[in-house]
ModelCIF file with pLDDT and N, C-alpha, C, O atoms, coordinates in Angstrom:
data_MODEL
#
_entry.id   MODEL 
#
_entity.id                         1 
_entity.type                       polymer 
_entity.pdbx_number_of_molecules   1 
#
_entity_poly.entity_id                      1 
_entity_poly.type                           'polypeptide(L)' 
_entity_poly.nstd_linkage                   no 
_entity_poly.nstd_monomer                   no 
_entity_poly.pdbx_seq_one_letter_code       LDGINVAIAVMDFQFMGGSMGSVVGERITRLIEYA 
_entity_poly.pdbx_seq_one_letter_code_can   LDGINVAIAVMDFQFMGGSMGSVVGERITRLIEYA 
_entity_poly.pdbx_strand_id                 A 
#
loop_
_entity_poly_seq.entity_id 
_entity_poly_seq.num 
_entity_poly_seq.mon_id 
_entity_poly_seq.hetero 
1 1  LEU n 
1 2  ASP n 
1 3  GLY n 
1 4  ILE n 
1 5  ASN n 
1 6  VAL n 
1 7  ALA n 
1 8  ILE n 
1 9  ALA n 
1 10 VAL n 
1 11 MET n 
1 12 ASP n 
1 13 PHE n 
1 14 GLN n 
1 15 PHE n 
1 16 MET n 
1 17 GLY n 
1 18 GLY n 
1 19 SER n 
1 20 MET n 
1 21 GLY n 
1 22 SER n 
1 23 VAL n 
1 24 VAL n 
1 25 GLY n 
1 26 GLU n 
1 27 ARG n 
1 28 ILE n 
1 29 THR n 
1 30 ARG n 
1 31 LEU n 
1 32 ILE n 
1 33 GLU n 
1 34 TYR n 
1 35 ALA n 
#
_struct_asym.id          A 
_struct_asym.entity_id   1 
#
loop_
_ma_qa_metric.id 
_ma_qa_metric.mode 
_ma_qa_metric.name 
_ma_qa_metric.software_group_id 
_ma_qa_metric.type 
1 global pLDDT . pLDDT 
2 local  pLDDT . pLDDT 
#
_ma_qa_metric_global.metric_id      1 
_ma_qa_metric_global.metric_value   97.29 
_ma_qa_metric_global.model_id       1 
_ma_qa_metric_global.ordinal_id     1 
#
loop_
_ma_qa_metric_local.label_asym_id 
_ma_qa_metric_local.label_comp_id 
_ma_qa_metric_local.label_seq_id 
_ma_qa_metric_local.metric_id 
_ma_qa_metric_local.metric_value 
_ma_qa_metric_local.model_id 
_ma_qa_metric_local.ordinal_id 
A LEU 1  2 97.00 1 1  
A ASP 2  2 95.00 1 2  
A GLY 3  2 95.00 1 3  
A ILE 4  2 95.00 1 4  
A ASN 5  2 96.00 1 5  
A VAL 6  2 97.00 1 6  
A ALA 7  2 98.00 1 7  
A ILE 8  2 98.00 1 8  
A ALA 9  2 98.00 1 9  
A VAL 10 2 98.00 1 10 
A MET 11 2 98.00 1 11 
A ASP 12 2 98.00 1 12 
A PHE 13 2 97.00 1 13 
A GLN 14 2 97.00 1 14 
A PHE 15 2 98.00 1 15 
A MET 16 2 97.00 1 16 
A GLY 17 2 97.00 1 17 
A GLY 18 2 97.00 1 18 
A SER 19 2 97.00 1 19 
A MET 20 2 97.00 1 20 
A GLY 21 2 96.00 1 21 
A SER 22 2 96.00 1 22 
A VAL 23 2 97.00 1 23 
A VAL 24 2 98.00 1 24 
A GLY 25 2 98.00 1 25 
A GLU 26 2 98.00 1 26 
A ARG 27 2 98.00 1 27 
A ILE 28 2 98.00 1 28 
A THR 29 2 98.00 1 29 
A ARG 30 2 98.00 1 30 
A LEU 31 2 98.00 1 31 
A ILE 32 2 98.00 1 32 
A GLU 33 2 98.00 1 33 
A TYR 34 2 98.00 1 34 
A ALA 35 2 98.00 1 35 
#
loop_
_atom_site.group_PDB 
_atom_site.id 
_atom_site.type_symbol 
_atom_site.label_atom_id 
_atom_site.label_alt_id 
_atom_site.label_comp_id 
_atom_site.label_asym_id 
_atom_site.label_entity_id 
_atom_site.label_seq_id 
_atom_site.pdbx_PDB_ins_code 
_atom_site.Cartn_x 
_atom_site.Cartn_y 
_atom_site.Cartn_z 
_atom_site.occupancy 
_atom_site.B_iso_or_equiv 
_atom_site.pdbx_formal_charge 
_atom_site.auth_seq_id 
_atom_site.auth_comp_id 
_atom_site.auth_asym_id 
_atom_site.auth_atom_id 
_atom_site.pdbx_PDB_model_num 
ATOM 1   N N  . LEU A 1 1  ? 15.101  6.516  4.257  1.00 97.00 ? 1  LEU A N  1 
ATOM 2   C CA . LEU A 1 1  ? 15.355  4.948  4.377  1.00 97.00 ? 1  LEU A CA 1 
ATOM 3   C C  . LEU A 1 1  ? 16.529  4.554  3.581  1.00 97.00 ? 1  LEU A C  1 
ATOM 4   O O  . LEU A 1 1  ? 16.550  4.454  2.354  1.00 97.00 ? 1  LEU A O  1 
ATOM 5   N N  . ASP A 1 2  ? 17.501  4.339  4.390  1.00 95.00 ? 2  ASP A N  1 
ATOM 6   C CA . ASP A 1 2  ? 19.203  4.463  3.722  1.00 95.00 ? 2  ASP A CA 1 
ATOM 7   C C  . ASP A 1 2  ? 19.344  5.812  3.382  1.00 95.00 ? 2  ASP A C  1 
ATOM 8   O O  . ASP A 1 2  ? 20.118  5.999  2.443  1.00 95.00 ? 2  ASP A O  1 
ATOM 9   N N  . GLY A 1 3  ? 18.879  6.706  3.817  1.00 95.00 ? 3  GLY A N  1 
ATOM 10  C CA . GLY A 1 3  ? 19.183  8.264  3.663  1.00 95.00 ? 3  GLY A CA 1 
ATOM 11  C C  . GLY A 1 3  ? 18.510  8.613  2.831  1.00 95.00 ? 3  GLY A C  1 
ATOM 12  O O  . GLY A 1 3  ? 18.844  9.668  2.291  1.00 95.00 ? 3  GLY A O  1 
ATOM 13  N N  . ILE A 1 4  ? 17.308  7.943  2.348  1.00 95.00 ? 4  ILE A N  1 
ATOM 14  C CA . ILE A 1 4  ? 16.748  8.716  0.858  1.00 95.00 ? 4  ILE A CA 1 
ATOM 15  C C  . ILE A 1 4  ? 15.311  8.966  1.807  1.00 95.00 ? 4  ILE A C  1 
ATOM 16  O O  . ILE A 1 4  ? 15.009  8.179  2.705  1.00 95.00 ? 4  ILE A O  1 
ATOM 17  N N  . ASN A 1 5  ? 14.614  9.984  1.522  1.00 96.00 ? 5  ASN A N  1 
ATOM 18  C CA . ASN A 1 5  ? 13.511  10.503 2.335  1.00 96.00 ? 5  ASN A CA 1 
ATOM 19  C C  . ASN A 1 5  ? 12.477  9.903  1.587  1.00 96.00 ? 5  ASN A C  1 
ATOM 20  O O  . ASN A 1 5  ? 12.551  9.974  0.360  1.00 96.00 ? 5  ASN A O  1 
ATOM 21  N N  . VAL A 1 6  ? 11.449  9.279  2.156  1.00 97.00 ? 6  VAL A N  1 
ATOM 22  C CA . VAL A 1 6  ? 10.287  8.393  1.917  1.00 97.00 ? 6  VAL A CA 1 
ATOM 23  C C  . VAL A 1 6  ? 9.108   8.922  2.685  1.00 97.00 ? 6  VAL A C  1 
ATOM 24  O O  . VAL A 1 6  ? 9.174   9.570  3.730  1.00 97.00 ? 6  VAL A O  1 
ATOM 25  N N  . ALA A 1 7  ? 7.865   8.515  1.942  1.00 98.00 ? 7  ALA A N  1 
ATOM 26  C CA . ALA A 1 7  ? 6.492   8.730  2.782  1.00 98.00 ? 7  ALA A CA 1 
ATOM 27  C C  . ALA A 1 7  ? 6.229   7.309  2.832  1.00 98.00 ? 7  ALA A C  1 
ATOM 28  O O  . ALA A 1 7  ? 6.298   6.606  1.824  1.00 98.00 ? 7  ALA A O  1 
ATOM 29  N N  . ILE A 1 8  ? 5.908   6.836  4.063  1.00 98.00 ? 8  ILE A N  1 
ATOM 30  C CA . ILE A 1 8  ? 5.471   5.490  4.266  1.00 98.00 ? 8  ILE A CA 1 
ATOM 31  C C  . ILE A 1 8  ? 3.938   5.558  5.345  1.00 98.00 ? 8  ILE A C  1 
ATOM 32  O O  . ILE A 1 8  ? 3.837   6.383  6.253  1.00 98.00 ? 8  ILE A O  1 
ATOM 33  N N  . ALA A 1 9  ? 3.058   4.728  5.078  1.00 98.00 ? 9  ALA A N  1 
ATOM 34  C CA . ALA A 1 9  ? 2.088   4.375  5.668  1.00 98.00 ? 9  ALA A CA 1 
ATOM 35  C C  . ALA A 1 9  ? 1.971   2.955  6.197  1.00 98.00 ? 9  ALA A C  1 
ATOM 36  O O  . ALA A 1 9  ? 2.192   1.980  5.479  1.00 98.00 ? 9  ALA A O  1 
ATOM 37  N N  . VAL A 1 10 ? 1.636   2.871  7.407  1.00 98.00 ? 10 VAL A N  1 
ATOM 38  C CA . VAL A 1 10 ? 1.932   1.504  8.165  1.00 98.00 ? 10 VAL A CA 1 
ATOM 39  C C  . VAL A 1 10 ? 0.312   0.757  8.807  1.00 98.00 ? 10 VAL A C  1 
ATOM 40  O O  . VAL A 1 10 ? -0.061  0.835  9.978  1.00 98.00 ? 10 VAL A O  1 
ATOM 41  N N  . MET A 1 11 ? -0.217  0.265  8.005  1.00 98.00 ? 11 MET A N  1 
ATOM 42  C CA . MET A 1 11 ? -1.570  -0.164 8.426  1.00 98.00 ? 11 MET A CA 1 
ATOM 43  C C  . MET A 1 11 ? -1.219  -1.284 10.109 1.00 98.00 ? 11 MET A C  1 
ATOM 44  O O  . MET A 1 11 ? -0.047  -1.614 10.293 1.00 98.00 ? 11 MET A O  1 
ATOM 45  N N  . ASP A 1 12 ? -2.130  -1.670 10.992 1.00 98.00 ? 12 ASP A N  1 
ATOM 46  C CA . ASP A 1 12 ? -1.538  -2.065 12.236 1.00 98.00 ? 12 ASP A CA 1 
ATOM 47  C C  . ASP A 1 12 ? -3.140  -3.063 12.517 1.00 98.00 ? 12 ASP A C  1 
ATOM 48  O O  . ASP A 1 12 ? -4.208  -2.600 12.918 1.00 98.00 ? 12 ASP A O  1 
ATOM 49  N N  . PHE A 1 13 ? -2.814  -4.633 12.123 1.00 97.00 ? 13 PHE A N  1 
ATOM 50  C CA . PHE A 1 13 ? -4.205  -5.522 12.675 1.00 97.00 ? 13 PHE A CA 1 
ATOM 51  C C  . PHE A 1 13 ? -4.476  -5.383 13.471 1.00 97.00 ? 13 PHE A C  1 
ATOM 52  O O  . PHE A 1 13 ? -5.691  -5.581 13.509 1.00 97.00 ? 13 PHE A O  1 
ATOM 53  N N  . GLN A 1 14 ? -3.911  -4.971 14.836 1.00 97.00 ? 14 GLN A N  1 
ATOM 54  C CA . GLN A 1 14 ? -3.997  -5.135 15.977 1.00 97.00 ? 14 GLN A CA 1 
ATOM 55  C C  . GLN A 1 14 ? -5.370  -4.190 16.385 1.00 97.00 ? 14 GLN A C  1 
ATOM 56  O O  . GLN A 1 14 ? -6.249  -4.605 17.140 1.00 97.00 ? 14 GLN A O  1 
ATOM 57  N N  . PHE A 1 15 ? -5.381  -2.794 15.716 1.00 98.00 ? 15 PHE A N  1 
ATOM 58  C CA . PHE A 1 15 ? -6.424  -2.231 15.761 1.00 98.00 ? 15 PHE A CA 1 
ATOM 59  C C  . PHE A 1 15 ? -7.355  -2.234 15.184 1.00 98.00 ? 15 PHE A C  1 
ATOM 60  O O  . PHE A 1 15 ? -7.393  -1.549 14.162 1.00 98.00 ? 15 PHE A O  1 
ATOM 61  N N  . MET A 1 16 ? -8.579  -3.051 15.607 1.00 97.00 ? 16 MET A N  1 
ATOM 62  C CA . MET A 1 16 ? -9.839  -3.306 14.755 1.00 97.00 ? 16 MET A CA 1 
ATOM 63  C C  . MET A 1 16 ? -9.468  -4.128 13.589 1.00 97.00 ? 16 MET A C  1 
ATOM 64  O O  . MET A 1 16 ? -10.137 -3.860 12.591 1.00 97.00 ? 16 MET A O  1 
ATOM 65  N N  . GLY A 1 17 ? -8.604  -5.037 13.444 1.00 97.00 ? 17 GLY A N  1 
ATOM 66  C CA . GLY A 1 17 ? -8.395  -5.690 12.290 1.00 97.00 ? 17 GLY A CA 1 
ATOM 67  C C  . GLY A 1 17 ? -7.620  -4.820 11.177 1.00 97.00 ? 17 GLY A C  1 
ATOM 68  O O  . GLY A 1 17 ? -7.505  -5.408 10.102 1.00 97.00 ? 17 GLY A O  1 
ATOM 69  N N  . GLY A 1 18 ? -7.145  -3.712 11.230 1.00 97.00 ? 18 GLY A N  1 
ATOM 70  C CA . GLY A 1 18 ? -6.306  -3.128 10.361 1.00 97.00 ? 18 GLY A CA 1 
ATOM 71  C C  . GLY A 1 18 ? -7.585  -2.637 9.240  1.00 97.00 ? 18 GLY A C  1 
ATOM 72  O O  . GLY A 1 18 ? -7.331  -2.558 8.039  1.00 97.00 ? 18 GLY A O  1 
ATOM 73  N N  . SER A 1 19 ? -8.516  -2.427 9.606  1.00 97.00 ? 19 SER A N  1 
ATOM 74  C CA . SER A 1 19 ? -10.186 -1.929 8.893  1.00 97.00 ? 19 SER A CA 1 
ATOM 75  C C  . SER A 1 19 ? -9.763  -0.613 8.769  1.00 97.00 ? 19 SER A C  1 
ATOM 76  O O  . SER A 1 19 ? -9.180  0.213  9.471  1.00 97.00 ? 19 SER A O  1 
ATOM 77  N N  . MET A 1 20 ? -10.312 -0.686 7.483  1.00 97.00 ? 20 MET A N  1 
ATOM 78  C CA . MET A 1 20 ? -10.216 0.850  6.616  1.00 97.00 ? 20 MET A CA 1 
ATOM 79  C C  . MET A 1 20 ? -11.481 1.949  7.273  1.00 97.00 ? 20 MET A C  1 
ATOM 80  O O  . MET A 1 20 ? -12.483 1.937  6.558  1.00 97.00 ? 20 MET A O  1 
ATOM 81  N N  . GLY A 1 21 ? -11.524 2.325  7.768  1.00 96.00 ? 21 GLY A N  1 
ATOM 82  C CA . GLY A 1 21 ? -12.548 3.788  7.755  1.00 96.00 ? 21 GLY A CA 1 
ATOM 83  C C  . GLY A 1 21 ? -12.507 5.096  7.690  1.00 96.00 ? 21 GLY A C  1 
ATOM 84  O O  . GLY A 1 21 ? -11.863 5.362  6.675  1.00 96.00 ? 21 GLY A O  1 
ATOM 85  N N  . SER A 1 22 ? -12.795 5.927  8.142  1.00 96.00 ? 22 SER A N  1 
ATOM 86  C CA . SER A 1 22 ? -12.590 7.527  7.407  1.00 96.00 ? 22 SER A CA 1 
ATOM 87  C C  . SER A 1 22 ? -11.252 7.846  7.414  1.00 96.00 ? 22 SER A C  1 
ATOM 88  O O  . SER A 1 22 ? -10.577 8.218  6.454  1.00 96.00 ? 22 SER A O  1 
ATOM 89  N N  . VAL A 1 23 ? -10.775 7.611  8.995  1.00 97.00 ? 23 VAL A N  1 
ATOM 90  C CA . VAL A 1 23 ? -9.468  8.422  9.867  1.00 97.00 ? 23 VAL A CA 1 
ATOM 91  C C  . VAL A 1 23 ? -8.178  7.458  8.573  1.00 97.00 ? 23 VAL A C  1 
ATOM 92  O O  . VAL A 1 23 ? -7.318  8.024  7.899  1.00 97.00 ? 23 VAL A O  1 
ATOM 93  N N  . VAL A 1 24 ? -8.406  6.290  8.592  1.00 98.00 ? 24 VAL A N  1 
ATOM 94  C CA . VAL A 1 24 ? -7.556  5.720  7.696  1.00 98.00 ? 24 VAL A CA 1 
ATOM 95  C C  . VAL A 1 24 ? -7.670  5.990  6.509  1.00 98.00 ? 24 VAL A C  1 
ATOM 96  O O  . VAL A 1 24 ? -6.555  6.221  6.040  1.00 98.00 ? 24 VAL A O  1 
ATOM 97  N N  . GLY A 1 25 ? -8.562  6.092  5.681  1.00 98.00 ? 25 GLY A N  1 
ATOM 98  C CA . GLY A 1 25 ? -8.439  6.660  4.428  1.00 98.00 ? 25 GLY A CA 1 
ATOM 99  C C  . GLY A 1 25 ? -8.045  7.826  4.193  1.00 98.00 ? 25 GLY A C  1 
ATOM 100 O O  . GLY A 1 25 ? -7.378  8.014  3.176  1.00 98.00 ? 25 GLY A O  1 
ATOM 101 N N  . GLU A 1 26 ? -8.411  9.120  5.239  1.00 98.00 ? 26 GLU A N  1 
ATOM 102 C CA . GLU A 1 26 ? -7.861  10.277 5.193  1.00 98.00 ? 26 GLU A CA 1 
ATOM 103 C C  . GLU A 1 26 ? -6.586  10.490 5.391  1.00 98.00 ? 26 GLU A C  1 
ATOM 104 O O  . GLU A 1 26 ? -5.947  11.386 4.839  1.00 98.00 ? 26 GLU A O  1 
ATOM 105 N N  . ARG A 1 27 ? -6.183  9.752  6.118  1.00 98.00 ? 27 ARG A N  1 
ATOM 106 C CA . ARG A 1 27 ? -4.594  9.737  6.743  1.00 98.00 ? 27 ARG A CA 1 
ATOM 107 C C  . ARG A 1 27 ? -3.669  9.517  5.578  1.00 98.00 ? 27 ARG A C  1 
ATOM 108 O O  . ARG A 1 27 ? -2.819  10.370 5.321  1.00 98.00 ? 27 ARG A O  1 
ATOM 109 N N  . ILE A 1 28 ? -3.818  8.100  4.646  1.00 98.00 ? 28 ILE A N  1 
ATOM 110 C CA . ILE A 1 28 ? -3.348  7.822  3.332  1.00 98.00 ? 28 ILE A CA 1 
ATOM 111 C C  . ILE A 1 28 ? -3.781  8.460  2.600  1.00 98.00 ? 28 ILE A C  1 
ATOM 112 O O  . ILE A 1 28 ? -3.133  8.179  1.591  1.00 98.00 ? 28 ILE A O  1 
ATOM 113 N N  . THR A 1 29 ? -4.584  9.307  2.296  1.00 98.00 ? 29 THR A N  1 
ATOM 114 C CA . THR A 1 29 ? -4.636  10.455 0.965  1.00 98.00 ? 29 THR A CA 1 
ATOM 115 C C  . THR A 1 29 ? -3.765  11.361 1.479  1.00 98.00 ? 29 THR A C  1 
ATOM 116 O O  . THR A 1 29 ? -2.762  11.462 0.771  1.00 98.00 ? 29 THR A O  1 
ATOM 117 N N  . ARG A 1 30 ? -3.763  12.241 2.690  1.00 98.00 ? 30 ARG A N  1 
ATOM 118 C CA . ARG A 1 30 ? -2.844  13.146 2.737  1.00 98.00 ? 30 ARG A CA 1 
ATOM 119 C C  . ARG A 1 30 ? -1.115  13.327 2.912  1.00 98.00 ? 30 ARG A C  1 
ATOM 120 O O  . ARG A 1 30 ? -0.141  14.081 2.903  1.00 98.00 ? 30 ARG A O  1 
ATOM 121 N N  . LEU A 1 31 ? -1.724  11.761 3.098  1.00 98.00 ? 31 LEU A N  1 
ATOM 122 C CA . LEU A 1 31 ? 0.247   11.247 3.015  1.00 98.00 ? 31 LEU A CA 1 
ATOM 123 C C  . LEU A 1 31 ? 0.514   11.327 1.611  1.00 98.00 ? 31 LEU A C  1 
ATOM 124 O O  . LEU A 1 31 ? 1.469   11.991 1.210  1.00 98.00 ? 31 LEU A O  1 
ATOM 125 N N  . ILE A 1 32 ? -0.395  10.587 0.669  1.00 98.00 ? 32 ILE A N  1 
ATOM 126 C CA . ILE A 1 32 ? -0.152  10.795 -0.889 1.00 98.00 ? 32 ILE A CA 1 
ATOM 127 C C  . ILE A 1 32 ? -0.072  12.279 -1.372 1.00 98.00 ? 32 ILE A C  1 
ATOM 128 O O  . ILE A 1 32 ? 0.799   12.613 -2.175 1.00 98.00 ? 32 ILE A O  1 
ATOM 129 N N  . GLU A 1 33 ? -0.717  12.906 -1.024 1.00 98.00 ? 33 GLU A N  1 
ATOM 130 C CA . GLU A 1 33 ? -1.037  14.164 -1.503 1.00 98.00 ? 33 GLU A CA 1 
ATOM 131 C C  . GLU A 1 33 ? 0.476   14.796 -1.099 1.00 98.00 ? 33 GLU A C  1 
ATOM 132 O O  . GLU A 1 33 ? 1.161   15.362 -1.952 1.00 98.00 ? 33 GLU A O  1 
ATOM 133 N N  . TYR A 1 34 ? 0.913   14.636 0.287  1.00 98.00 ? 34 TYR A N  1 
ATOM 134 C CA . TYR A 1 34 ? 1.843   15.288 0.490  1.00 98.00 ? 34 TYR A CA 1 
ATOM 135 C C  . TYR A 1 34 ? 3.307   14.563 0.067  1.00 98.00 ? 34 TYR A C  1 
ATOM 136 O O  . TYR A 1 34 ? 4.343   15.227 0.019  1.00 98.00 ? 34 TYR A O  1 
ATOM 137 N N  . ALA A 1 35 ? 3.276   13.477 -0.159 1.00 98.00 ? 35 ALA A N  1 
ATOM 138 C CA . ALA A 1 35 ? 4.195   12.932 -0.987 1.00 98.00 ? 35 ALA A CA 1 
ATOM 139 C C  . ALA A 1 35 ? 4.261   13.389 -2.580 1.00 98.00 ? 35 ALA A C  1 
ATOM 140 O O  . ALA A 1 35 ? 5.100   12.891 -3.330 1.00 98.00 ? 35 ALA A O  1 
#
């Protein structure tokens, strides 16, 4: 982002109303751990 390394997660409401299941939670958690 303007040359700065960032970790980013973007929810998508078009996919089942952006609902948070096990995979959504695991993806976010893994991203946080990587960051």
